[in-house]
């Protein structure tokens, strides 16, 4: 599975905000990204037009409890989970089930994922 990533500029355009606002979200870990030199790569699955601010809620909490890095988290977040009634973690976050997704992330082990 190939996961799409966005630049800071792409994310700003999709969110209708400035690149600095995207940087602020990245620094607060309310949006997750990989920094390559001076450039950010932001996994696109985190953006959802149907959420209040266009960014999935609870990303900082999920990332804090997920046992792997951002690449593994991105794969997990976009894979249907029986622990989330067949929804992906990203879909569950979009529906506001932050506590449930955090609980599932907390139950994982690095070896198990």
N, C-alpha and C. Protein backbone atom coordinates (compact mmCIF):
# COMPACT_ATOMS: atom_id res chain seq x y z
N UNK A 1 0.84 -1.17 0.00
CA UNK A 1 0.00 0.00 0.00
C UNK A 1 0.89 1.24 0.00
N UNK A 2 0.60 2.16 -0.90
CA UNK A 2 1.35 3.40 -0.95
C UNK A 2 0.53 4.48 -0.24
N UNK A 3 1.17 5.18 0.65
CA UNK A 3 0.50 6.24 1.38
C UNK A 3 0.89 7.58 0.81
N UNK A 4 -0.09 8.40 0.50
CA UNK A 4 0.17 9.73 -0.05
C UNK A 4 0.63 10.68 1.03
N UNK A 5 1.56 11.53 0.67
CA UNK A 5 1.99 12.56 1.60
C UNK A 5 1.88 13.93 0.94
N UNK A 6 1.76 14.92 1.76
CA UNK A 6 1.58 16.29 1.32
C UNK A 6 2.73 17.15 1.81
N UNK A 7 2.97 18.25 1.12
CA UNK A 7 3.90 19.25 1.61
C UNK A 7 3.13 20.17 2.56
N UNK A 8 3.86 21.02 3.23
CA UNK A 8 3.23 22.00 4.10
C UNK A 8 2.32 22.91 3.28
N UNK A 9 2.77 23.29 2.10
CA UNK A 9 1.98 24.15 1.22
C UNK A 9 0.69 23.45 0.79
N UNK A 10 0.79 22.16 0.43
CA UNK A 10 -0.40 21.38 0.05
C UNK A 10 -1.39 21.33 1.20
N UNK A 11 -0.89 21.03 2.40
CA UNK A 11 -1.76 20.92 3.57
C UNK A 11 -2.43 22.26 3.87
N UNK A 12 -1.67 23.35 3.76
CA UNK A 12 -2.23 24.68 4.01
C UNK A 12 -3.36 24.98 3.03
N UNK A 13 -3.16 24.64 1.76
CA UNK A 13 -4.20 24.87 0.75
C UNK A 13 -5.45 24.06 1.05
N UNK A 14 -5.28 22.81 1.42
CA UNK A 14 -6.44 21.95 1.73
C UNK A 14 -7.18 22.42 2.98
N UNK A 15 -6.43 22.94 3.95
CA UNK A 15 -7.04 23.40 5.20
C UNK A 15 -7.53 24.84 5.12
N UNK A 16 -7.17 25.53 4.05
CA UNK A 16 -7.56 26.93 3.92
C UNK A 16 -6.88 27.81 4.95
N UNK A 17 -5.61 27.54 5.19
CA UNK A 17 -4.87 28.26 6.21
C UNK A 17 -3.47 28.58 5.69
N UNK A 18 -2.65 29.14 6.53
CA UNK A 18 -1.29 29.48 6.11
C UNK A 18 -0.32 28.33 6.37
N UNK A 19 0.82 28.39 5.71
CA UNK A 19 1.86 27.40 5.96
C UNK A 19 2.34 27.49 7.41
N UNK A 20 2.37 28.69 7.97
CA UNK A 20 2.79 28.84 9.38
C UNK A 20 1.79 28.15 10.31
N UNK A 21 0.50 28.22 10.00
CA UNK A 21 -0.50 27.53 10.82
C UNK A 21 -0.29 26.02 10.75
N UNK A 22 0.09 25.51 9.59
CA UNK A 22 0.39 24.08 9.46
C UNK A 22 1.62 23.74 10.29
N UNK A 23 2.64 24.58 10.23
CA UNK A 23 3.84 24.37 11.05
C UNK A 23 3.47 24.34 12.53
N UNK A 24 2.60 25.25 12.94
CA UNK A 24 2.15 25.28 14.34
C UNK A 24 1.46 23.97 14.73
N UNK A 25 0.62 23.43 13.83
CA UNK A 25 -0.04 22.15 14.09
C UNK A 25 0.99 21.03 14.20
N UNK A 26 1.98 21.03 13.32
CA UNK A 26 3.04 20.02 13.36
C UNK A 26 3.83 20.10 14.66
N UNK A 27 4.18 21.30 15.06
CA UNK A 27 4.96 21.46 16.29
C UNK A 27 4.17 21.08 17.53
N UNK A 28 2.85 21.26 17.49
CA UNK A 28 1.99 20.87 18.61
C UNK A 28 1.59 19.40 18.55
N UNK A 29 2.02 18.70 17.49
CA UNK A 29 1.71 17.28 17.24
C UNK A 29 0.20 17.04 17.06
N UNK A 30 -0.53 18.09 16.65
CA UNK A 30 -1.93 17.91 16.30
C UNK A 30 -2.05 17.53 14.82
N UNK A 31 -0.90 17.57 14.12
CA UNK A 31 -0.73 17.07 12.77
C UNK A 31 0.64 16.42 12.78
N UNK A 32 0.75 15.25 12.19
CA UNK A 32 2.00 14.49 12.25
C UNK A 32 2.72 14.54 10.91
N UNK A 33 4.03 14.64 10.96
CA UNK A 33 4.79 14.70 9.73
C UNK A 33 6.23 14.28 9.94
N UNK A 34 6.89 14.02 8.83
CA UNK A 34 8.31 13.70 8.82
C UNK A 34 9.05 14.89 8.24
N UNK A 35 10.11 15.29 8.89
CA UNK A 35 10.89 16.41 8.37
C UNK A 35 12.11 15.87 7.65
N UNK A 36 12.25 16.25 6.40
CA UNK A 36 13.41 15.89 5.58
C UNK A 36 14.12 17.19 5.25
N UNK A 37 15.21 17.44 5.97
CA UNK A 37 15.89 18.72 5.80
C UNK A 37 14.97 19.84 6.27
N UNK A 38 14.65 20.74 5.36
CA UNK A 38 13.75 21.85 5.69
C UNK A 38 12.32 21.58 5.23
N UNK A 39 12.09 20.42 4.65
CA UNK A 39 10.80 20.10 4.05
C UNK A 39 10.03 19.11 4.92
N UNK A 40 8.74 19.35 5.09
CA UNK A 40 7.86 18.44 5.82
C UNK A 40 7.13 17.54 4.83
N UNK A 41 6.98 16.28 5.19
CA UNK A 41 6.11 15.34 4.49
C UNK A 41 5.01 14.97 5.46
N UNK A 42 3.79 15.24 5.07
CA UNK A 42 2.64 15.07 5.96
C UNK A 42 1.73 14.00 5.37
N UNK A 43 1.57 12.85 6.07
CA UNK A 43 0.68 11.81 5.56
C UNK A 43 -0.75 12.35 5.38
N UNK A 44 -1.29 12.18 4.19
CA UNK A 44 -2.58 12.77 3.82
C UNK A 44 -3.76 12.21 4.61
N UNK A 45 -3.65 10.99 5.16
CA UNK A 45 -4.78 10.37 5.85
C UNK A 45 -5.25 11.19 7.06
N UNK A 46 -4.43 12.09 7.55
CA UNK A 46 -4.78 12.88 8.74
C UNK A 46 -5.77 14.00 8.45
N UNK A 47 -5.89 14.35 7.18
CA UNK A 47 -6.77 15.45 6.81
C UNK A 47 -8.13 14.90 6.42
N UNK A 48 -9.17 15.51 6.95
CA UNK A 48 -10.52 15.04 6.70
C UNK A 48 -11.45 16.25 6.69
N UNK A 49 -12.00 16.56 5.54
CA UNK A 49 -12.84 17.76 5.39
C UNK A 49 -14.09 17.72 6.26
N UNK A 50 -14.49 16.54 6.71
CA UNK A 50 -15.71 16.44 7.50
C UNK A 50 -15.49 16.66 9.00
N UNK A 51 -14.25 16.85 9.41
CA UNK A 51 -13.97 17.13 10.81
C UNK A 51 -13.98 18.64 11.03
N UNK A 52 -14.11 19.05 12.28
CA UNK A 52 -14.29 20.46 12.60
C UNK A 52 -13.19 21.36 12.02
N UNK A 53 -11.94 20.98 12.17
CA UNK A 53 -10.84 21.81 11.70
C UNK A 53 -10.13 21.24 10.48
N UNK A 54 -10.67 20.17 9.92
CA UNK A 54 -10.06 19.57 8.75
C UNK A 54 -8.95 18.58 9.06
N UNK A 55 -8.59 18.48 10.33
CA UNK A 55 -7.55 17.56 10.79
C UNK A 55 -8.19 16.60 11.78
N UNK A 56 -7.85 15.32 11.68
CA UNK A 56 -8.42 14.34 12.61
C UNK A 56 -8.11 14.72 14.05
N UNK A 57 -9.08 14.62 14.94
CA UNK A 57 -8.83 14.92 16.35
C UNK A 57 -8.04 13.79 17.02
N UNK A 58 -7.29 14.14 18.05
CA UNK A 58 -6.63 13.15 18.88
C UNK A 58 -5.34 12.57 18.34
N UNK A 59 -4.81 13.13 17.25
CA UNK A 59 -3.58 12.56 16.67
C UNK A 59 -2.42 12.55 17.66
N UNK A 60 -2.31 13.61 18.45
CA UNK A 60 -1.22 13.67 19.43
C UNK A 60 -1.35 12.55 20.45
N UNK A 61 -2.56 12.27 20.89
CA UNK A 61 -2.78 11.20 21.87
C UNK A 61 -2.53 9.83 21.28
N UNK A 62 -3.00 9.61 20.06
CA UNK A 62 -2.78 8.31 19.41
C UNK A 62 -1.29 8.08 19.20
N UNK A 63 -0.59 9.07 18.68
CA UNK A 63 0.84 8.95 18.42
C UNK A 63 1.62 8.68 19.71
N UNK A 64 1.18 9.27 20.81
CA UNK A 64 1.87 9.08 22.09
C UNK A 64 1.77 7.64 22.58
N UNK A 65 0.73 6.92 22.18
CA UNK A 65 0.52 5.55 22.66
C UNK A 65 0.82 4.47 21.62
N UNK A 66 0.97 4.87 20.37
CA UNK A 66 1.25 3.89 19.33
C UNK A 66 2.71 3.42 19.48
N UNK A 67 2.95 2.11 19.40
CA UNK A 67 4.30 1.60 19.68
C UNK A 67 5.33 1.75 18.56
N UNK A 68 4.96 2.31 17.45
CA UNK A 68 5.91 2.46 16.34
C UNK A 68 6.03 3.90 15.89
N UNK A 69 6.77 4.11 14.83
CA UNK A 69 6.97 5.44 14.26
C UNK A 69 5.84 5.84 13.33
N UNK A 70 6.04 6.97 12.68
CA UNK A 70 4.99 7.55 11.85
C UNK A 70 4.64 6.69 10.64
N UNK A 71 5.60 6.03 10.05
CA UNK A 71 5.31 5.19 8.88
C UNK A 71 4.40 4.02 9.30
N UNK A 72 4.75 3.35 10.40
CA UNK A 72 3.92 2.25 10.90
C UNK A 72 2.56 2.77 11.35
N UNK A 73 2.53 3.92 12.01
CA UNK A 73 1.26 4.52 12.45
C UNK A 73 0.38 4.82 11.24
N UNK A 74 0.97 5.33 10.18
CA UNK A 74 0.20 5.65 8.98
C UNK A 74 -0.42 4.39 8.37
N UNK A 75 0.34 3.32 8.32
CA UNK A 75 -0.17 2.05 7.80
C UNK A 75 -1.30 1.54 8.68
N UNK A 76 -1.10 1.56 9.99
CA UNK A 76 -2.12 1.09 10.94
C UNK A 76 -3.38 1.95 10.85
N UNK A 77 -3.21 3.26 10.75
CA UNK A 77 -4.35 4.19 10.74
C UNK A 77 -5.24 4.04 9.52
N UNK A 78 -4.70 3.44 8.47
CA UNK A 78 -5.46 3.31 7.23
C UNK A 78 -5.85 1.86 6.94
N UNK A 79 -5.72 1.00 7.94
CA UNK A 79 -6.07 -0.42 7.80
C UNK A 79 -7.28 -0.73 8.69
N UNK A 80 -8.28 -1.37 8.13
CA UNK A 80 -9.47 -1.73 8.91
C UNK A 80 -9.09 -2.57 10.11
N UNK A 81 -9.75 -2.30 11.23
CA UNK A 81 -9.44 -2.99 12.48
C UNK A 81 -10.68 -3.66 13.05
N UNK A 82 -10.58 -4.94 13.40
CA UNK A 82 -11.72 -5.60 14.05
C UNK A 82 -12.02 -4.97 15.41
N UNK A 83 -11.00 -4.35 16.04
CA UNK A 83 -11.20 -3.69 17.34
C UNK A 83 -11.98 -2.39 17.21
N UNK A 84 -12.16 -1.93 15.97
CA UNK A 84 -12.91 -0.69 15.72
C UNK A 84 -14.09 -0.97 14.80
N UNK A 85 -14.68 -2.15 14.97
CA UNK A 85 -15.87 -2.56 14.21
C UNK A 85 -15.64 -2.53 12.71
N UNK A 86 -14.41 -2.87 12.28
CA UNK A 86 -14.09 -2.93 10.87
C UNK A 86 -13.71 -1.60 10.25
N UNK A 87 -13.75 -0.53 11.03
CA UNK A 87 -13.33 0.77 10.52
C UNK A 87 -11.83 0.92 10.68
N UNK A 88 -11.26 1.83 9.92
CA UNK A 88 -9.85 2.15 10.12
C UNK A 88 -9.75 3.10 11.32
N UNK A 89 -8.60 3.15 11.97
CA UNK A 89 -8.43 4.13 13.04
C UNK A 89 -8.70 5.56 12.56
N UNK A 90 -8.29 5.89 11.33
CA UNK A 90 -8.56 7.23 10.81
C UNK A 90 -10.06 7.49 10.71
N UNK A 91 -10.83 6.51 10.25
CA UNK A 91 -12.29 6.67 10.17
C UNK A 91 -12.89 6.84 11.57
N UNK A 92 -12.40 6.06 12.52
CA UNK A 92 -12.90 6.15 13.89
C UNK A 92 -12.58 7.52 14.49
N UNK A 93 -11.40 8.04 14.23
CA UNK A 93 -11.05 9.37 14.72
C UNK A 93 -11.96 10.42 14.10
N UNK A 94 -12.24 10.30 12.81
CA UNK A 94 -13.12 11.26 12.14
C UNK A 94 -14.52 11.25 12.75
N UNK A 95 -14.92 10.10 13.28
CA UNK A 95 -16.25 9.99 13.93
C UNK A 95 -16.21 10.44 15.39
N UNK A 96 -15.03 10.83 15.86
CA UNK A 96 -14.91 11.33 17.23
C UNK A 96 -14.58 10.28 18.27
N UNK A 97 -14.24 9.07 17.85
CA UNK A 97 -13.95 7.97 18.79
C UNK A 97 -12.49 7.99 19.23
N UNK A 98 -12.02 9.15 19.67
CA UNK A 98 -10.60 9.32 20.03
C UNK A 98 -10.21 8.38 21.17
N UNK A 99 -11.00 8.33 22.24
CA UNK A 99 -10.65 7.47 23.38
C UNK A 99 -10.56 6.01 22.97
N UNK A 100 -11.47 5.56 22.12
CA UNK A 100 -11.44 4.16 21.68
C UNK A 100 -10.20 3.87 20.84
N UNK A 101 -9.84 4.77 19.94
CA UNK A 101 -8.64 4.57 19.10
C UNK A 101 -7.39 4.60 19.97
N UNK A 102 -7.33 5.51 20.92
CA UNK A 102 -6.19 5.56 21.85
C UNK A 102 -6.08 4.25 22.61
N UNK A 103 -7.21 3.72 23.07
CA UNK A 103 -7.21 2.46 23.80
C UNK A 103 -6.67 1.31 22.94
N UNK A 104 -7.09 1.26 21.68
CA UNK A 104 -6.59 0.21 20.77
C UNK A 104 -5.10 0.41 20.53
N UNK A 105 -4.66 1.64 20.30
CA UNK A 105 -3.23 1.91 20.08
C UNK A 105 -2.42 1.51 21.31
N UNK A 106 -2.95 1.78 22.48
CA UNK A 106 -2.27 1.45 23.74
C UNK A 106 -2.11 -0.06 23.91
N UNK A 107 -3.06 -0.82 23.37
CA UNK A 107 -3.05 -2.28 23.54
C UNK A 107 -2.07 -2.98 22.59
N UNK A 108 -1.59 -2.26 21.61
CA UNK A 108 -0.67 -2.85 20.64
C UNK A 108 0.74 -2.94 21.22
N UNK A 109 1.49 -3.87 20.71
CA UNK A 109 2.91 -3.93 21.07
C UNK A 109 3.70 -3.75 19.80
N UNK A 110 4.91 -3.29 19.90
CA UNK A 110 5.74 -3.08 18.72
C UNK A 110 5.90 -4.38 17.95
N UNK A 111 6.05 -5.48 18.66
CA UNK A 111 6.20 -6.78 18.00
C UNK A 111 4.90 -7.21 17.34
N UNK A 112 3.77 -6.85 17.95
CA UNK A 112 2.46 -7.24 17.44
C UNK A 112 2.01 -6.43 16.26
N UNK A 113 2.60 -5.29 16.08
CA UNK A 113 2.22 -4.49 14.93
C UNK A 113 3.39 -4.42 14.00
